[in-house]
């Protein structure tokens, strides 16, 4: 089964970046360089996304989106601000692609006769094992 590839427009004009001090690797570099990158994307007011895409994103990412409709992602893995910026942009597109992928409907299935019989047999064995543990009465 093939999964549909979701087409996402280039959203980079709507990304807002902010750099701050990182708590990640870097030694003394951490104390003086703003290497942590925060990406803010206003999903609710995006011009490049369709209304359907916006509603899907707002419902499925409700826990990650602020009350104003802004998705905030951060990255502080690398010592370089540029590398962190590239990583956070990649993560953002990956997240959006994953969320906008259509959900496949579950197909109902029935257990096979053999699996049902096997389950009942295991239940019977377990029952016998437990009943044999009881006290012996004379």
Protein backbone atom coordinates (compact mmCIF):
# COMPACT_ATOMS: atom_id res chain seq x y z
CA UNK A 1 0.00 0.00 0.00
CA UNK A 2 1.37 3.37 -1.00
CA UNK A 3 1.02 6.35 1.28
CA UNK A 4 0.10 9.59 -0.43
CA UNK A 5 2.85 12.20 -0.49
CA UNK A 6 1.50 15.48 0.78
CA UNK A 7 2.43 18.58 -1.20
CA UNK A 8 3.35 21.44 1.10
CA UNK A 9 4.12 24.86 -0.40
CA UNK A 10 7.34 26.72 0.43
CA UNK A 11 6.44 28.27 3.78
CA UNK A 12 9.82 29.89 4.45
CA UNK A 13 8.54 33.48 3.90
CA UNK A 14 6.13 32.96 6.82
CA UNK A 15 8.73 31.55 9.23
CA UNK A 16 9.93 33.86 12.00
CA UNK A 17 13.24 32.95 13.64
CA UNK A 18 14.55 33.99 17.02
CA UNK A 19 17.95 33.07 18.46
CA UNK A 20 18.79 32.73 22.14
CA UNK A 21 21.43 31.24 24.40
CA UNK A 22 21.61 27.49 24.20
CA UNK A 23 21.98 25.03 27.04
CA UNK A 24 23.47 22.47 24.67
CA UNK A 25 27.08 21.57 23.86
CA UNK A 26 29.69 24.26 23.35
CA UNK A 27 31.59 24.89 26.58
CA UNK A 28 32.23 28.60 27.09
CA UNK A 29 30.77 29.20 23.63
CA UNK A 30 27.33 28.62 25.21
CA UNK A 31 27.75 31.67 27.44
CA UNK A 32 28.39 34.15 24.65
CA UNK A 33 26.74 32.90 21.42
CA UNK A 34 23.03 32.69 20.64
CA UNK A 35 23.01 29.26 19.00
CA UNK A 36 19.52 28.07 20.03
CA UNK A 37 17.01 28.73 17.24
CA UNK A 38 13.27 29.09 17.73
CA UNK A 39 10.98 28.86 14.70
CA UNK A 40 7.53 30.45 14.88
CA UNK A 41 4.94 29.68 12.23
CA UNK A 42 1.53 31.36 12.36
CA UNK A 43 -0.71 28.51 11.18
CA UNK A 44 -3.97 30.35 11.79
CA UNK A 45 -3.05 33.37 9.63
CA UNK A 46 -1.01 31.61 6.96
CA UNK A 47 -1.61 32.80 3.41
CA UNK A 48 0.14 29.83 1.78
CA UNK A 49 -1.94 27.07 3.40
CA UNK A 50 -5.48 26.21 2.37
CA UNK A 51 -8.34 26.42 4.88
CA UNK A 52 -8.59 22.62 4.98
CA UNK A 53 -4.87 22.30 5.76
CA UNK A 54 -5.17 24.95 8.48
CA UNK A 55 -8.05 23.17 10.23
CA UNK A 56 -6.22 19.81 10.06
CA UNK A 57 -3.07 21.35 11.54
CA UNK A 58 -4.94 23.24 14.25
CA UNK A 59 -6.83 20.13 15.37
CA UNK A 60 -4.03 17.55 15.15
CA UNK A 61 -1.33 19.82 16.60
CA UNK A 62 -3.56 21.41 19.26
CA UNK A 63 -1.09 20.51 22.01
CA UNK A 64 1.85 22.13 20.22
CA UNK A 65 0.13 25.28 18.97
CA UNK A 66 -0.40 28.36 21.16
CA UNK A 67 -3.81 29.92 21.73
CA UNK A 68 -2.96 32.51 19.03
CA UNK A 69 -2.46 29.70 16.48
CA UNK A 70 1.36 29.83 16.38
CA UNK A 71 3.44 26.67 16.07
CA UNK A 72 6.73 26.99 17.98
CA UNK A 73 9.66 24.63 17.34
CA UNK A 74 13.15 24.92 18.82
CA UNK A 75 16.53 23.36 18.12
CA UNK A 76 19.74 23.59 20.13
CA UNK A 77 21.51 20.40 19.07
CA UNK A 78 24.46 21.98 17.31
CA UNK A 79 26.96 24.68 18.29
CA UNK A 80 26.20 26.54 15.08
CA UNK A 81 23.15 28.80 14.83
CA UNK A 82 22.95 28.20 11.07
CA UNK A 83 22.97 24.40 11.51
CA UNK A 84 20.25 24.65 14.18
CA UNK A 85 18.20 26.83 11.85
CA UNK A 86 18.47 24.25 9.06
CA UNK A 87 17.53 21.46 11.48
CA UNK A 88 14.46 23.24 12.84
CA UNK A 89 13.22 24.07 9.32
CA UNK A 90 13.65 20.42 8.27
CA UNK A 91 11.81 19.28 11.41
CA UNK A 92 8.99 21.72 10.73
CA UNK A 93 8.41 20.46 7.17
CA UNK A 94 8.67 16.86 8.39
CA UNK A 95 6.08 17.49 11.11
CA UNK A 96 3.69 19.25 8.71
CA UNK A 97 4.06 16.46 6.14
CA UNK A 98 3.35 13.82 8.79
CA UNK A 99 0.30 15.64 10.17
CA UNK A 100 -1.21 16.42 6.77
CA UNK A 101 -0.84 12.83 5.56
CA UNK A 102 -4.36 11.38 5.14
CA UNK A 103 -5.34 8.85 7.80
CA UNK A 104 -6.14 5.41 6.42
CA UNK A 105 -9.41 3.91 7.55
CA UNK A 106 -9.18 0.76 9.61
CA UNK A 107 -10.54 -2.31 7.91
CA UNK A 108 -12.56 -4.58 10.18
CA UNK A 109 -11.16 -8.08 10.53
CA UNK A 110 -12.34 -11.21 12.30
CA UNK A 111 -10.06 -13.54 14.22
CA UNK A 112 -9.41 -16.86 12.48
CA UNK A 113 -11.02 -20.00 13.82
CA UNK A 114 -7.59 -21.42 14.71
CA UNK A 115 -6.67 -18.32 16.76
CA UNK A 116 -9.98 -18.47 18.65
CA UNK A 117 -9.47 -22.17 19.43
CA UNK A 118 -5.88 -21.55 20.52
CA UNK A 119 -7.02 -18.76 22.86
CA UNK A 120 -9.74 -20.94 24.40
CA UNK A 121 -7.26 -23.81 24.85
CA UNK A 122 -4.82 -21.49 26.66
CA UNK A 123 -7.64 -20.25 28.90
CA UNK A 124 -8.61 -23.82 29.76
CA UNK A 125 -5.01 -24.78 30.58
CA UNK A 126 -4.57 -21.71 32.78
CA UNK A 127 -7.85 -22.45 34.56
CA UNK A 128 -6.82 -26.05 35.25
CA UNK A 129 -3.41 -24.94 36.51
CA UNK A 130 -4.96 -22.47 38.93
CA UNK A 131 -7.68 -24.84 40.16
CA UNK A 132 -5.05 -27.51 40.90
CA UNK A 133 -3.34 -25.10 43.32
CA UNK A 134 -6.26 -25.24 45.76
CA UNK A 135 -6.10 -26.86 49.19
CA UNK A 136 -6.58 -30.62 49.32
CA UNK A 137 -9.53 -31.53 51.58
CA UNK A 138 -9.89 -34.94 53.26
